[in-house]
Protein backbone atom coordinates (compact mmCIF):
# COMPACT_ATOMS: atom_id res chain seq x y z
CA MET A 1 -0.05 -0.01 0.14
CA GLY A 2 1.53 3.33 -0.82
CA LEU A 3 0.56 6.92 -0.06
CA THR A 4 0.23 9.76 -2.77
CA LEU A 5 0.25 13.46 -1.64
CA GLU A 6 -0.17 16.21 -4.19
CA ILE A 7 1.73 19.46 -3.21
CA SER A 8 2.43 22.60 -5.23
CA SER A 9 5.98 23.52 -6.35
CA ASP A 10 5.62 26.49 -3.79
CA GLN A 11 4.99 23.86 -0.88
CA LEU A 12 7.73 21.73 -1.87
CA LEU A 13 10.25 24.65 -2.17
CA ASN A 14 9.19 25.87 1.44
CA ALA A 15 9.64 22.28 2.72
CA LEU A 16 13.01 21.99 1.19
CA LEU A 17 14.06 25.36 2.46
CA GLN A 18 13.59 23.97 5.97
CA LEU A 19 16.36 21.43 5.48
CA SER A 20 19.85 21.74 6.78
CA ALA A 21 22.53 23.24 4.73
CA ASP A 22 24.16 19.89 3.91
CA GLU A 23 20.86 18.42 2.94
CA LYS A 24 20.01 21.46 0.68
CA ILE A 25 23.51 21.05 -1.06
CA ARG A 26 23.08 17.42 -1.50
CA ILE A 27 19.63 17.94 -3.05
CA ALA A 28 20.84 20.69 -5.09
CA GLU A 29 23.57 18.68 -6.71
CA ARG A 30 21.27 15.96 -7.46
CA LEU A 31 18.85 18.13 -9.10
CA LYS A 32 21.57 19.89 -11.04
CA ALA A 33 22.69 16.54 -12.25
CA ALA A 34 19.10 15.63 -13.15
CA ALA A 35 18.49 19.06 -14.98
CA THR A 36 21.83 18.68 -17.01
CA THR A 37 20.81 15.26 -18.14
CA GLU A 38 17.41 16.47 -19.22
CA LYS A 39 19.02 19.51 -20.97
CA TRP A 40 21.31 17.15 -22.93
CA ARG A 41 18.47 15.12 -23.91
CA MET A 42 16.30 17.91 -25.36
CA LEU A 43 19.43 19.38 -26.99
CA SER A 44 20.51 16.16 -28.61
CA GLN A 45 17.22 15.90 -30.21
CA GLN A 46 17.83 19.12 -32.05
CA LEU A 47 21.33 18.22 -33.37
CA PRO A 48 21.41 16.90 -36.88
CA ASP A 49 22.35 13.31 -37.37
CA ALA A 50 25.98 13.00 -38.41
CA PRO A 51 27.70 10.03 -39.73
CA GLU A 52 29.81 8.05 -37.15
CA ILE A 53 33.35 9.35 -37.16
CA SER A 54 36.45 7.36 -35.89
CA MET A 55 38.91 8.26 -33.42
CA GLU A 56 41.61 8.16 -36.20
CA GLU A 57 39.61 10.74 -38.20
CA ILE A 58 39.24 12.97 -35.05
CA VAL A 59 43.05 12.70 -34.31
CA ALA A 60 43.82 13.43 -38.09
CA GLU A 61 41.51 16.59 -38.12
CA VAL A 62 43.01 17.92 -34.83
CA LYS A 63 46.54 17.37 -35.98
CA ALA A 64 45.73 19.25 -39.39
CA ALA A 65 44.17 22.19 -37.37
CA ARG A 66 47.27 22.40 -35.11
CA LYS A 67 49.56 22.26 -37.96
CA GLN A 68 47.61 25.02 -39.88
CA ARG A 69 47.55 27.18 -36.77
CA HIS A 70 51.21 26.92 -36.17
CA GLN A 71 52.00 27.63 -39.74
CA ASN A 72 49.85 30.85 -39.63
CA PRO A 73 50.38 32.31 -36.33
CA LYS A 74 48.34 35.60 -35.42
């Protein structure tokens, strides 16, 4: 048997504000991690599909960019 309780976001916030500083920090860190995950999920849906790229291709591109930058310093 479970218990369901409906509370508003203001009521929840007021309850959270009564917690100790350590508990607030712990909950804030967990909420931030959850929010970051959700933001990434939403952003990744907006990104275009791109073909897979191998690590070798990434390294080659980085090397080429660095070589060009060192040949043409600003």
